[in-house]
Protein backbone atom coordinates (compact mmCIF):
# COMPACT_ATOMS: atom_id res chain seq x y z
CA UNK A 1 -6.36 -20.29 -24.99
CA UNK A 2 -4.84 -18.37 -22.05
CA UNK A 3 -5.45 -19.57 -18.27
CA UNK A 4 -8.17 -17.50 -16.25
CA UNK A 5 -5.08 -16.13 -14.50
CA UNK A 6 -2.64 -15.68 -17.53
CA UNK A 7 -2.19 -12.18 -19.15
CA UNK A 8 -2.59 -12.29 -22.86
CA UNK A 9 0.16 -12.15 -25.30
CA UNK A 10 1.30 -12.10 -28.48
CA UNK A 11 -0.76 -10.76 -31.68
CA UNK A 12 -4.41 -9.42 -31.33
CA UNK A 13 -6.59 -11.84 -31.69
CA UNK A 14 -10.77 -12.22 -31.10
CA UNK A 15 -11.52 -12.61 -27.55
CA UNK A 16 -9.20 -9.59 -27.03
CA UNK A 17 -9.92 -6.74 -24.86
CA UNK A 18 -8.07 -3.71 -26.97
CA UNK A 19 -7.28 -0.23 -25.40
CA UNK A 20 -7.58 2.41 -28.43
CA UNK A 21 -6.09 5.78 -27.84
CA UNK A 22 -7.38 7.58 -30.62
CA UNK A 23 -7.07 11.74 -31.55
CA UNK A 24 -6.94 13.93 -28.46
CA UNK A 25 -6.12 11.01 -26.43
CA UNK A 26 -9.96 9.90 -26.11
CA UNK A 27 -9.85 5.71 -25.01
CA UNK A 28 -11.90 3.49 -26.18
CA UNK A 29 -11.80 -0.47 -25.18
CA UNK A 30 -13.16 -2.66 -27.01
CA UNK A 31 -13.48 -6.84 -27.31
CA UNK A 32 -12.07 -7.74 -30.66
CA UNK A 33 -15.24 -9.93 -32.08
CA UNK A 34 -15.79 -11.18 -36.08
CA UNK A 35 -17.54 -8.65 -37.50
CA UNK A 36 -17.05 -6.19 -35.04
CA UNK A 37 -16.61 -2.37 -35.50
CA UNK A 38 -15.73 1.16 -33.32
CA UNK A 39 -17.98 4.02 -34.95
CA UNK A 40 -17.08 7.54 -33.88
CA UNK A 41 -17.41 10.45 -35.73
CA UNK A 42 -13.86 10.18 -37.00
CA UNK A 43 -14.90 7.02 -38.88
CA UNK A 44 -14.92 3.25 -38.77
CA UNK A 45 -12.41 1.36 -37.26
CA UNK A 46 -13.00 -2.87 -38.47
CA UNK A 47 -12.19 -5.08 -35.26
CA UNK A 48 -10.64 -7.35 -37.93
CA UNK A 49 -8.04 -4.75 -39.17
CA UNK A 50 -6.63 -5.45 -35.10
CA UNK A 51 -6.04 -8.97 -35.69
CA UNK A 52 -2.92 -10.37 -36.28
CA UNK A 53 -1.80 -7.06 -35.18
CA UNK A 54 1.32 -7.20 -32.41
CA UNK A 55 0.69 -5.24 -29.08
CA UNK A 56 1.32 -1.56 -29.39
CA UNK A 57 0.31 -1.36 -33.30
CA UNK A 58 -1.32 1.71 -34.78
CA UNK A 59 -4.11 0.96 -36.94
CA UNK A 60 -5.92 3.85 -39.39
CA UNK A 61 -9.47 3.90 -39.48
CA UNK A 62 -11.96 4.72 -42.42
CA UNK A 63 -10.98 8.40 -41.96
CA UNK A 64 -7.50 8.23 -41.51
CA UNK A 65 -7.44 8.43 -37.86
CA UNK A 66 -5.00 6.65 -36.27
CA UNK A 67 -5.15 4.92 -33.11
CA UNK A 68 -3.02 3.41 -31.08
CA UNK A 69 -3.94 -0.60 -30.17
CA UNK A 70 -2.74 -2.16 -26.56
CA UNK A 71 -3.81 -4.70 -24.12
CA UNK A 72 -5.33 -2.72 -21.26
CA UNK A 73 -3.36 -3.23 -17.77
CA UNK A 74 -5.16 -3.94 -14.61
CA UNK A 75 -4.71 -0.58 -13.74
CA UNK A 76 -6.74 0.62 -16.64
CA UNK A 77 -9.37 -1.76 -16.23
CA UNK A 78 -10.09 -1.29 -12.68
CA UNK A 79 -10.34 2.59 -13.37
CA UNK A 80 -12.62 2.17 -15.68
CA UNK A 81 -15.01 -0.65 -14.61
CA UNK A 82 -18.65 -0.51 -13.40
CA UNK A 83 -18.59 0.21 -10.01
CA UNK A 84 -20.96 -0.41 -7.35
CA UNK A 85 -18.64 0.41 -4.52
CA UNK A 86 -15.92 3.40 -4.48
CA UNK A 87 -12.75 1.10 -5.71
CA UNK A 88 -9.19 0.24 -4.20
CA UNK A 89 -7.05 2.53 -6.20
CA UNK A 90 -4.12 1.13 -7.82
CA UNK A 91 -1.72 2.95 -5.60
CA UNK A 92 -3.17 1.49 -2.36
CA UNK A 93 -3.44 -1.61 -3.73
CA UNK A 94 0.56 -1.80 -4.71
CA UNK A 95 0.71 -0.96 -1.05
CA UNK A 96 -1.62 -3.85 0.08
CA UNK A 97 -0.09 -6.54 -1.96
CA UNK A 98 3.50 -5.43 -0.15
CA UNK A 99 2.31 -4.88 3.29
CA UNK A 100 0.65 -8.09 3.18
CA UNK A 101 3.32 -9.69 1.61
CA UNK A 102 0.78 -11.44 -0.70
CA UNK A 103 2.61 -14.40 -2.48
CA UNK A 104 1.62 -17.22 -5.15
CA UNK A 105 -0.01 -19.55 -3.04
CA UNK A 106 -1.03 -18.07 -0.51
CA UNK A 107 -4.75 -18.57 1.38
CA UNK A 108 -6.17 -14.91 1.63
CA UNK A 109 -9.99 -13.56 2.97
CA UNK A 110 -10.91 -10.08 2.36
CA UNK A 111 -13.94 -7.83 2.81
CA UNK A 112 -15.69 -6.01 1.48
CA UNK A 113 -15.71 -7.12 -2.16
CA UNK A 114 -16.71 -3.87 -3.17
CA UNK A 115 -16.81 -3.91 -7.22
CA UNK A 116 -14.00 -6.25 -6.87
CA UNK A 117 -10.89 -4.09 -8.07
CA UNK A 118 -8.96 -5.37 -5.26
CA UNK A 119 -10.37 -8.89 -5.78
CA UNK A 120 -8.30 -8.61 -9.14
CA UNK A 121 -4.64 -7.66 -7.49
CA UNK A 122 -5.32 -10.61 -4.90
CA UNK A 123 -6.10 -13.32 -7.93
CA UNK A 124 -3.32 -12.15 -9.63
CA UNK A 125 -0.97 -12.08 -6.75
CA UNK A 126 -1.68 -15.67 -5.38
CA UNK A 127 -1.64 -17.28 -8.41
CA UNK A 128 -3.50 -20.27 -9.79
CA UNK A 129 -2.46 -22.15 -6.60
CA UNK A 130 -3.99 -19.84 -4.21
CA UNK A 131 -7.46 -19.51 -2.87
CA UNK A 132 -9.16 -15.98 -2.30
CA UNK A 133 -12.30 -15.96 -0.09
CA UNK A 134 -14.30 -12.51 -0.25
CA UNK A 135 -16.97 -11.66 1.98
CA UNK A 136 -19.42 -8.97 0.91
CA UNK A 137 -22.35 -7.95 3.03
CA UNK A 138 -24.43 -6.88 -0.21
CA UNK A 139 -25.56 -9.28 -3.15
CA UNK A 140 -25.63 -6.30 -5.66
CA UNK A 141 -21.88 -5.17 -4.85
CA UNK A 142 -20.94 -9.08 -5.13
CA UNK A 143 -22.66 -9.33 -8.90
CA UNK A 144 -21.05 -6.62 -9.94
CA UNK A 145 -17.58 -7.71 -8.73
CA UNK A 146 -18.14 -11.04 -9.88
CA UNK A 147 -19.21 -9.53 -13.63
CA UNK A 148 -16.10 -7.03 -13.28
CA UNK A 149 -13.53 -10.37 -12.46
CA UNK A 150 -14.99 -12.41 -15.13
CA UNK A 151 -14.74 -9.45 -17.93
CA UNK A 152 -10.98 -8.90 -17.06
CA UNK A 153 -10.13 -12.43 -16.37
CA UNK A 154 -12.18 -14.22 -19.33
CA UNK A 155 -13.77 -16.73 -16.52
CA UNK A 156 -14.42 -17.22 -12.69
CA UNK A 157 -11.34 -18.40 -11.48
CA UNK A 158 -11.77 -21.45 -9.54
CA UNK A 159 -9.78 -20.70 -6.77
CA UNK A 160 -12.11 -17.47 -5.90
CA UNK A 161 -15.43 -17.74 -3.89
CA UNK A 162 -17.25 -14.83 -2.61
CA UNK A 163 -19.81 -15.35 0.50
CA UNK A 164 -22.36 -12.92 0.94
CA UNK A 165 -22.60 -12.03 4.35
CA UNK A 166 -20.69 -10.89 7.31
CA UNK A 167 -17.31 -11.75 7.75
CA UNK A 168 -17.35 -11.53 11.58
CA UNK A 169 -20.02 -14.20 11.19
CA UNK A 170 -19.58 -16.73 8.84
CA UNK A 171 -15.63 -16.22 8.48
CA UNK A 172 -15.43 -19.44 10.91
CA UNK A 173 -17.61 -21.55 8.99
CA UNK A 174 -16.18 -20.81 5.11
CA UNK A 175 -11.99 -21.47 6.69
CA UNK A 176 -10.73 -23.68 9.20
CA UNK A 177 -9.40 -21.90 12.27
CA UNK A 178 -5.50 -20.99 11.93
CA UNK A 179 -5.51 -21.51 7.91
CA UNK A 180 -5.59 -18.41 6.69
CA UNK A 181 -1.96 -16.54 5.83
CA UNK A 182 -3.63 -12.83 4.26
CA UNK A 183 -6.76 -11.06 5.70
CA UNK A 184 -7.27 -7.43 4.05
CA UNK A 185 -10.29 -5.76 5.40
CA UNK A 186 -11.70 -3.15 3.50
CA UNK A 187 -14.54 -1.66 5.40
CA UNK A 188 -16.33 0.81 8.15
CA UNK A 189 -15.56 -0.85 11.10
CA UNK A 190 -13.07 -3.10 10.77
CA UNK A 191 -12.56 -3.52 14.22
CA UNK A 192 -15.79 -5.45 14.55
CA UNK A 193 -13.88 -8.16 12.41
CA UNK A 194 -10.63 -8.46 14.49
CA UNK A 195 -11.71 -11.14 16.78
CA UNK A 196 -13.03 -13.43 13.98
CA UNK A 197 -10.01 -12.69 11.85
CA UNK A 198 -7.45 -13.42 14.78
CA UNK A 199 -9.03 -17.41 14.75
CA UNK A 200 -8.46 -17.96 11.33
CA UNK A 201 -4.98 -16.30 10.73
CA UNK A 202 -1.72 -19.06 10.74
CA UNK A 203 0.67 -17.75 13.46
CA UNK A 204 2.44 -15.04 11.91
CA UNK A 205 0.25 -14.17 9.38
CA UNK A 206 -0.75 -10.42 8.53
CA UNK A 207 -3.87 -8.30 8.61
CA UNK A 208 -4.35 -5.11 6.73
CA UNK A 209 -7.12 -2.74 7.06
CA UNK A 210 -7.96 -0.06 4.55
CA UNK A 211 -9.72 2.86 6.36
CA UNK A 212 -10.41 6.52 4.98
CA UNK A 213 -10.51 8.49 8.32
CA UNK A 214 -7.96 9.27 11.20
CA UNK A 215 -11.08 8.44 13.16
CA UNK A 216 -10.92 4.62 11.98
CA UNK A 217 -7.47 4.47 12.16
CA UNK A 218 -7.04 5.56 15.45
CA UNK A 219 -9.86 2.70 16.97
CA UNK A 220 -8.70 -0.07 14.65
CA UNK A 221 -5.44 0.37 15.79
CA UNK A 222 -6.18 0.28 19.31
CA UNK A 223 -8.42 -2.70 18.82
CA UNK A 224 -5.47 -4.57 17.47
CA UNK A 225 -3.35 -3.45 19.98
CA UNK A 226 -6.23 -4.12 22.58
CA UNK A 227 -6.53 -8.01 21.92
CA UNK A 228 -2.83 -8.63 22.78
CA UNK A 229 -2.77 -11.46 20.08
CA UNK A 230 -0.87 -9.27 17.66
CA UNK A 231 2.12 -7.42 16.96
CA UNK A 232 2.02 -3.83 17.21
CA UNK A 233 0.15 -1.99 14.46
CA UNK A 234 1.84 0.25 11.85
CA UNK A 235 0.17 2.45 9.90
CA UNK A 236 0.25 4.85 6.96
CA UNK A 237 -0.73 6.78 3.47
CA UNK A 238 0.47 6.83 0.08
CA UNK A 239 0.03 9.98 -2.42
CA UNK A 240 0.99 10.00 -5.69
CA UNK A 241 2.46 12.66 -8.13
CA UNK A 242 3.16 13.04 -11.13
CA UNK A 243 5.40 14.81 -13.29
CA UNK A 244 5.31 16.70 -16.10
CA UNK A 245 8.49 15.84 -18.30
CA UNK A 246 8.99 17.36 -21.60
CA UNK A 247 12.43 19.10 -22.49
CA UNK A 248 13.61 21.40 -20.04
CA UNK A 249 9.51 21.73 -18.94
CA UNK A 250 10.11 19.55 -15.74
CA UNK A 251 7.80 19.83 -13.07
CA UNK A 252 4.97 18.29 -10.75
CA UNK A 253 1.68 17.95 -12.04
CA UNK A 254 -0.98 20.61 -11.29
CA UNK A 255 -2.97 17.62 -10.14
CA UNK A 256 -2.09 14.73 -7.84
CA UNK A 257 -4.00 11.17 -6.49
CA UNK A 258 -3.63 12.27 -2.69
CA UNK A 259 -5.24 10.85 0.14
CA UNK A 260 -7.55 8.28 -0.80
CA UNK A 261 -6.72 6.05 2.54
CA UNK A 262 -5.36 4.96 5.31
CA UNK A 263 -3.63 1.12 5.96
CA UNK A 264 -2.67 -0.44 9.49
CA UNK A 265 -1.41 -3.90 9.48
CA UNK A 266 -0.67 -6.09 12.24
CA UNK A 267 0.96 -10.04 12.42
CA UNK A 268 -0.86 -12.98 14.42
CA UNK A 269 1.05 -13.99 17.40
CA UNK A 270 1.40 -17.70 18.22
CA UNK A 271 -0.95 -18.93 20.50
CA UNK A 272 -0.19 -17.68 24.40
CA UNK A 273 2.75 -15.44 23.28
CA UNK A 274 3.32 -12.06 24.66
CA UNK A 275 5.28 -9.36 22.87
CA UNK A 276 7.61 -7.64 24.66
CA UNK A 277 6.26 -4.18 26.13
CA UNK A 278 6.88 -1.49 24.07
CA UNK A 279 7.76 1.71 26.05
CA UNK A 280 6.36 4.89 24.72
CA UNK A 281 6.00 8.30 25.66
CA UNK A 282 2.73 9.82 27.99
CA UNK A 283 -0.31 10.89 25.60
CA UNK A 284 -3.56 10.76 25.38
CA UNK A 285 -4.32 6.82 24.60
CA UNK A 286 -7.32 6.88 26.51
CA UNK A 287 -10.63 7.61 25.39
CA UNK A 288 -14.50 7.54 26.34
CA UNK A 289 -17.99 7.03 25.15
CA UNK A 290 -18.25 10.72 23.63
CA UNK A 291 -14.70 9.89 21.81
CA UNK A 292 -16.10 6.13 20.60
CA UNK A 293 -19.79 8.13 19.05
CA UNK A 294 -17.17 9.46 16.82
CA UNK A 295 -15.79 6.06 15.31
CA UNK A 296 -19.33 4.97 14.53
CA UNK A 297 -20.35 4.27 10.80
CA UNK A 298 -23.11 6.82 10.63
CA UNK A 299 -20.81 9.49 12.32
CA UNK A 300 -17.81 8.72 9.40
CA UNK A 301 -20.12 8.89 6.72
CA UNK A 302 -21.24 5.86 4.76
CA UNK A 303 -21.86 7.27 1.48
CA UNK A 304 -24.96 5.49 -0.01
CA UNK A 305 -25.23 4.67 -4.05
CA UNK A 306 -29.17 4.99 -4.86
CA UNK A 307 -30.98 1.85 -6.21
CA UNK A 308 -31.53 2.72 -9.27
CA UNK A 309 -28.08 3.33 -10.01
CA UNK A 310 -26.72 0.45 -8.57
CA UNK A 311 -29.19 -1.33 -10.87
CA UNK A 312 -27.82 0.28 -13.77
CA UNK A 313 -23.96 -0.48 -12.59
CA UNK A 314 -25.08 -4.15 -12.01
CA UNK A 315 -26.29 -4.26 -15.38
CA UNK A 316 -23.45 -2.96 -17.32
CA UNK A 317 -21.19 -5.30 -15.24
CA UNK A 318 -23.08 -8.27 -16.74
CA UNK A 319 -23.71 -7.07 -20.10
CA UNK A 320 -19.35 -6.55 -20.03
CA UNK A 321 -19.20 -10.25 -18.49
CA UNK A 322 -21.78 -11.79 -21.29
CA UNK A 323 -19.65 -10.31 -23.85
CA UNK A 324 -16.01 -11.57 -22.39
CA UNK A 325 -17.63 -15.19 -22.08
CA UNK A 326 -18.86 -15.00 -25.86
CA UNK A 327 -15.21 -13.89 -26.66
CA UNK A 328 -13.28 -16.69 -24.77
CA UNK A 329 -15.24 -18.94 -26.26
CA UNK A 330 -13.84 -18.13 -29.69
CA UNK A 331 -10.04 -17.14 -28.24
CA UNK A 332 -8.85 -20.82 -29.02
CA UNK A 333 -9.20 -19.54 -32.77
CA UNK A 334 -7.21 -16.44 -33.97
CA UNK A 335 -9.17 -16.19 -36.70
CA UNK A 336 -12.45 -16.41 -34.51
CA UNK A 337 -13.90 -19.66 -36.27
């Protein structure tokens, strides 16, 4: 059996998650179990027919329709898993890992955990020797995140803890001062947590904020700058445009994943350090109460998920996690015995 943070490899076994691409490109993601079957209007595919086959195999169902079988990548899982809150897209997760310089063995704090998509990327990056502490204000969102992480990994990692509460109020109790290497804030008002983050970060540590709007970007950058505790903040956004490549028909795709959010990051200065003055051209850098009002969470537009819909997402995520737990109990035995 693989460890909690290890990627399964080798021939398919009972307990593995498998992504099947069928006729017309339709995807089915299943967990292989003894006696299990995938039923579609094209026929029946027995899970046992996949056991022992190498990753990347093609198998046929009872109707003769072929399916390409692959273990799902993390990006595949996060794009299809049950969601309580909106997820961090893979393109942004990759930038966060790069800009924050998440490394094996790092001590990382994130808030909020949402549906657990970024948590999965961070857990993979810090490795078994690292530590991730995730803050989430809502217990129902935290429940979805825990279930999603358990579903993909097969267990709840021992180096991951989820704190239900406000990071600004509880971070000092969760981690020692000046002990955290990296902090990632994915929330409506990250500026409310910057002071607590400054106390928790080790000198040279990195804080990254993921925000959706230009007004949020402006306020968090100005707040970081105003503390005098960080280097000059940098900001960017990432857009991904796919290309259609078939023979001489080479062109950009008609659709693309464009703006999803902004990243702004800075590094913690040593206590008492004063950074060199940055010379800038004259600009409209001041703002008044009317401008601040535009930066409030209400004005930004906090989209809400209904309680009924969220309860459904929690049940879906917990059912998937229960299936992963049952499957993991049989993963030691390739035959599922």
